[in-house]
Amino acid sequence: CEELKISQRTLEYIFKDYYQMSPQKYFKHLRLHALHKELQQKNKQSNLSDITQEFGFYHRGQLARDYHKRFGEFPSETFRR
């Protein structure tokens, strides 16, 4: 922000205008997609909880809701396939 000589809030507005979502939602979106890809490719001997925590998801209930909303299935379903 200092280099651009704009406030953090102004940068957030610009970001939201461009991506149609806040920076926080955008990065959550990226993490969800990265997790989805990882669950599709992961060795099934791994622990689902450990994998989700690697991507910064610590609240399983919230993750399940967000993941299901985005992909139409729960993380455990993707992981089992």
N, C-alpha and C. Protein backbone atom coordinates (compact mmCIF):
# COMPACT_ATOMS: atom_id res chain seq x y z
N CYS A 1 0.82 -1.19 0.00
CA CYS A 1 0.00 0.00 0.00
C CYS A 1 0.87 1.26 0.00
N GLU A 2 1.96 1.19 0.74
CA GLU A 2 2.84 2.36 0.81
C GLU A 2 3.43 2.69 -0.56
N GLU A 3 3.86 1.65 -1.27
CA GLU A 3 4.46 1.88 -2.59
C GLU A 3 3.44 2.43 -3.57
N LEU A 4 2.20 1.99 -3.44
CA LEU A 4 1.14 2.47 -4.32
C LEU A 4 0.57 3.81 -3.86
N LYS A 5 0.90 4.17 -2.62
CA LYS A 5 0.43 5.41 -2.01
C LYS A 5 -1.09 5.46 -1.93
N ILE A 6 -1.66 4.31 -1.53
CA ILE A 6 -3.10 4.23 -1.28
C ILE A 6 -3.31 3.49 0.04
N SER A 7 -4.46 3.68 0.61
CA SER A 7 -4.75 3.01 1.87
C SER A 7 -5.10 1.54 1.62
N GLN A 8 -5.02 0.77 2.67
CA GLN A 8 -5.39 -0.65 2.57
C GLN A 8 -6.85 -0.78 2.15
N ARG A 9 -7.69 0.06 2.69
CA ARG A 9 -9.12 0.00 2.37
C ARG A 9 -9.36 0.30 0.89
N THR A 10 -8.65 1.27 0.34
CA THR A 10 -8.78 1.59 -1.08
C THR A 10 -8.35 0.40 -1.93
N LEU A 11 -7.27 -0.23 -1.54
CA LEU A 11 -6.80 -1.41 -2.26
C LEU A 11 -7.85 -2.53 -2.20
N GLU A 12 -8.48 -2.70 -1.05
CA GLU A 12 -9.54 -3.70 -0.92
C GLU A 12 -10.72 -3.38 -1.83
N TYR A 13 -11.09 -2.11 -1.93
CA TYR A 13 -12.18 -1.71 -2.84
C TYR A 13 -11.82 -2.02 -4.30
N ILE A 14 -10.60 -1.71 -4.68
CA ILE A 14 -10.15 -1.97 -6.05
C ILE A 14 -10.18 -3.48 -6.32
N PHE A 15 -9.67 -4.23 -5.37
CA PHE A 15 -9.66 -5.69 -5.49
C PHE A 15 -11.07 -6.23 -5.65
N LYS A 16 -11.98 -5.75 -4.81
CA LYS A 16 -13.36 -6.23 -4.85
C LYS A 16 -14.04 -5.84 -6.16
N ASP A 17 -13.77 -4.66 -6.66
CA ASP A 17 -14.34 -4.25 -7.95
C ASP A 17 -13.86 -5.17 -9.07
N TYR A 18 -12.61 -5.56 -9.03
CA TYR A 18 -12.03 -6.38 -10.09
C TYR A 18 -12.45 -7.85 -9.98
N TYR A 19 -12.37 -8.42 -8.78
CA TYR A 19 -12.63 -9.85 -8.59
C TYR A 19 -14.05 -10.17 -8.12
N GLN A 20 -14.83 -9.16 -7.83
CA GLN A 20 -16.20 -9.34 -7.35
C GLN A 20 -16.28 -10.08 -6.02
N MET A 21 -15.22 -10.01 -5.24
CA MET A 21 -15.19 -10.58 -3.89
C MET A 21 -14.05 -9.93 -3.13
N SER A 22 -14.14 -10.03 -1.82
CA SER A 22 -13.09 -9.45 -0.98
C SER A 22 -11.80 -10.27 -1.11
N PRO A 23 -10.67 -9.68 -0.75
CA PRO A 23 -9.42 -10.44 -0.78
C PRO A 23 -9.49 -11.70 0.09
N GLN A 24 -10.15 -11.61 1.24
CA GLN A 24 -10.26 -12.76 2.13
C GLN A 24 -11.04 -13.89 1.45
N LYS A 25 -12.15 -13.56 0.81
CA LYS A 25 -12.94 -14.58 0.12
C LYS A 25 -12.17 -15.16 -1.07
N TYR A 26 -11.43 -14.31 -1.75
CA TYR A 26 -10.65 -14.77 -2.89
C TYR A 26 -9.60 -15.79 -2.46
N PHE A 27 -8.88 -15.49 -1.39
CA PHE A 27 -7.85 -16.42 -0.93
C PHE A 27 -8.47 -17.70 -0.35
N LYS A 28 -9.63 -17.59 0.25
CA LYS A 28 -10.33 -18.78 0.72
C LYS A 28 -10.73 -19.64 -0.49
N HIS A 29 -11.19 -18.99 -1.54
CA HIS A 29 -11.54 -19.67 -2.78
C HIS A 29 -10.33 -20.42 -3.34
N LEU A 30 -9.18 -19.77 -3.35
CA LEU A 30 -7.96 -20.42 -3.84
C LEU A 30 -7.58 -21.62 -2.98
N ARG A 31 -7.69 -21.45 -1.65
CA ARG A 31 -7.36 -22.55 -0.74
C ARG A 31 -8.32 -23.72 -0.92
N LEU A 32 -9.62 -23.43 -1.10
CA LEU A 32 -10.60 -24.50 -1.32
C LEU A 32 -10.27 -25.29 -2.58
N HIS A 33 -9.94 -24.58 -3.65
CA HIS A 33 -9.62 -25.27 -4.90
C HIS A 33 -8.33 -26.07 -4.79
N ALA A 34 -7.35 -25.53 -4.09
CA ALA A 34 -6.10 -26.27 -3.89
C ALA A 34 -6.36 -27.52 -3.04
N LEU A 35 -7.19 -27.39 -2.01
CA LEU A 35 -7.54 -28.53 -1.18
C LEU A 35 -8.28 -29.58 -2.00
N HIS A 36 -9.22 -29.14 -2.81
CA HIS A 36 -9.99 -30.06 -3.66
C HIS A 36 -9.06 -30.87 -4.56
N LYS A 37 -8.14 -30.19 -5.18
CA LYS A 37 -7.17 -30.86 -6.06
C LYS A 37 -6.33 -31.86 -5.27
N GLU A 38 -5.89 -31.44 -4.10
CA GLU A 38 -5.07 -32.32 -3.26
C GLU A 38 -5.85 -33.56 -2.81
N LEU A 39 -7.10 -33.37 -2.44
CA LEU A 39 -7.91 -34.50 -1.99
C LEU A 39 -8.16 -35.50 -3.13
N GLN A 40 -8.23 -35.01 -4.33
CA GLN A 40 -8.42 -35.89 -5.48
C GLN A 40 -7.17 -36.72 -5.77
N GLN A 41 -6.01 -36.18 -5.44
CA GLN A 41 -4.75 -36.83 -5.78
C GLN A 41 -4.06 -37.49 -4.60
N LYS A 42 -4.51 -37.22 -3.39
CA LYS A 42 -3.79 -37.62 -2.19
C LYS A 42 -3.78 -39.12 -1.98
N ASN A 43 -2.69 -39.57 -1.43
CA ASN A 43 -2.56 -40.95 -0.99
C ASN A 43 -3.60 -41.19 0.10
N LYS A 44 -4.41 -42.19 -0.08
CA LYS A 44 -5.53 -42.44 0.84
C LYS A 44 -5.06 -42.91 2.22
N GLN A 45 -3.79 -43.14 2.39
CA GLN A 45 -3.26 -43.49 3.71
C GLN A 45 -3.12 -42.23 4.58
N SER A 46 -3.21 -41.07 3.97
CA SER A 46 -3.09 -39.82 4.71
C SER A 46 -4.35 -39.57 5.53
N ASN A 47 -4.22 -38.71 6.50
CA ASN A 47 -5.32 -38.35 7.38
C ASN A 47 -6.01 -37.10 6.83
N LEU A 48 -7.32 -37.17 6.64
CA LEU A 48 -8.08 -36.04 6.08
C LEU A 48 -7.90 -34.78 6.92
N SER A 49 -7.95 -34.92 8.21
CA SER A 49 -7.81 -33.77 9.10
C SER A 49 -6.45 -33.10 8.92
N ASP A 50 -5.40 -33.89 8.80
CA ASP A 50 -4.06 -33.33 8.60
C ASP A 50 -3.97 -32.58 7.27
N ILE A 51 -4.59 -33.15 6.24
CA ILE A 51 -4.55 -32.51 4.92
C ILE A 51 -5.28 -31.16 4.97
N THR A 52 -6.46 -31.14 5.57
CA THR A 52 -7.22 -29.89 5.61
C THR A 52 -6.48 -28.83 6.42
N GLN A 53 -5.80 -29.25 7.47
CA GLN A 53 -5.04 -28.28 8.27
C GLN A 53 -3.84 -27.74 7.51
N GLU A 54 -3.27 -28.55 6.63
CA GLU A 54 -2.16 -28.07 5.79
C GLU A 54 -2.59 -26.86 4.96
N PHE A 55 -3.87 -26.80 4.63
CA PHE A 55 -4.40 -25.71 3.82
C PHE A 55 -5.04 -24.61 4.66
N GLY A 56 -4.86 -24.70 5.97
CA GLY A 56 -5.33 -23.65 6.86
C GLY A 56 -6.78 -23.75 7.26
N PHE A 57 -7.38 -24.91 7.10
CA PHE A 57 -8.77 -25.11 7.51
C PHE A 57 -8.78 -25.87 8.83
N TYR A 58 -9.17 -25.18 9.89
CA TYR A 58 -9.15 -25.78 11.22
C TYR A 58 -10.54 -26.04 11.78
N HIS A 59 -11.55 -25.39 11.22
CA HIS A 59 -12.92 -25.58 11.68
C HIS A 59 -13.62 -26.50 10.69
N ARG A 60 -13.76 -27.76 11.07
CA ARG A 60 -14.27 -28.77 10.13
C ARG A 60 -15.69 -28.49 9.66
N GLY A 61 -16.53 -28.00 10.54
CA GLY A 61 -17.92 -27.71 10.16
C GLY A 61 -18.01 -26.62 9.11
N GLN A 62 -17.27 -25.55 9.33
CA GLN A 62 -17.28 -24.44 8.36
C GLN A 62 -16.67 -24.89 7.04
N LEU A 63 -15.60 -25.65 7.10
CA LEU A 63 -14.99 -26.17 5.88
C LEU A 63 -15.98 -27.03 5.12
N ALA A 64 -16.68 -27.91 5.82
CA ALA A 64 -17.64 -28.80 5.16
C ALA A 64 -18.71 -27.99 4.43
N ARG A 65 -19.22 -26.94 5.08
CA ARG A 65 -20.25 -26.10 4.44
C ARG A 65 -19.70 -25.39 3.21
N ASP A 66 -18.54 -24.76 3.37
CA ASP A 66 -17.95 -24.01 2.25
C ASP A 66 -17.58 -24.94 1.09
N TYR A 67 -17.00 -26.06 1.42
CA TYR A 67 -16.57 -27.03 0.40
C TYR A 67 -17.78 -27.58 -0.34
N HIS A 68 -18.82 -27.94 0.40
CA HIS A 68 -20.03 -28.49 -0.22
C HIS A 68 -20.70 -27.45 -1.12
N LYS A 69 -20.72 -26.22 -0.67
CA LYS A 69 -21.31 -25.14 -1.47
C LYS A 69 -20.55 -24.97 -2.79
N ARG A 70 -19.24 -25.10 -2.73
CA ARG A 70 -18.40 -24.89 -3.92
C ARG A 70 -18.39 -26.11 -4.85
N PHE A 71 -18.32 -27.32 -4.29
CA PHE A 71 -18.09 -28.52 -5.11
C PHE A 71 -19.25 -29.51 -5.13
N GLY A 72 -20.28 -29.28 -4.32
CA GLY A 72 -21.44 -30.17 -4.33
C GLY A 72 -21.23 -31.48 -3.60
N GLU A 73 -20.16 -31.58 -2.87
CA GLU A 73 -19.90 -32.76 -2.05
C GLU A 73 -19.02 -32.33 -0.88
N PHE A 74 -18.91 -33.19 0.10
CA PHE A 74 -18.11 -32.88 1.28
C PHE A 74 -16.66 -33.32 1.06
N PRO A 75 -15.72 -32.72 1.79
CA PRO A 75 -14.32 -33.11 1.63
C PRO A 75 -14.11 -34.61 1.82
N SER A 76 -14.81 -35.19 2.75
CA SER A 76 -14.66 -36.63 3.00
C SER A 76 -15.09 -37.46 1.79
N GLU A 77 -16.08 -36.98 1.05
CA GLU A 77 -16.53 -37.70 -0.14
C GLU A 77 -15.47 -37.65 -1.24
N THR A 78 -14.89 -36.48 -1.43
CA THR A 78 -13.82 -36.35 -2.42
C THR A 78 -12.64 -37.23 -2.03
N PHE A 79 -12.32 -37.22 -0.75
CA PHE A 79 -11.17 -37.97 -0.24
C PHE A 79 -11.35 -39.47 -0.42
N ARG A 80 -12.57 -39.96 -0.24
CA ARG A 80 -12.83 -41.40 -0.34
C ARG A 80 -12.75 -41.92 -1.77
N ARG A 81 -12.98 -41.07 -2.74
CA ARG A 81 -12.98 -41.54 -4.14
C ARG A 81 -11.60 -41.85 -4.62
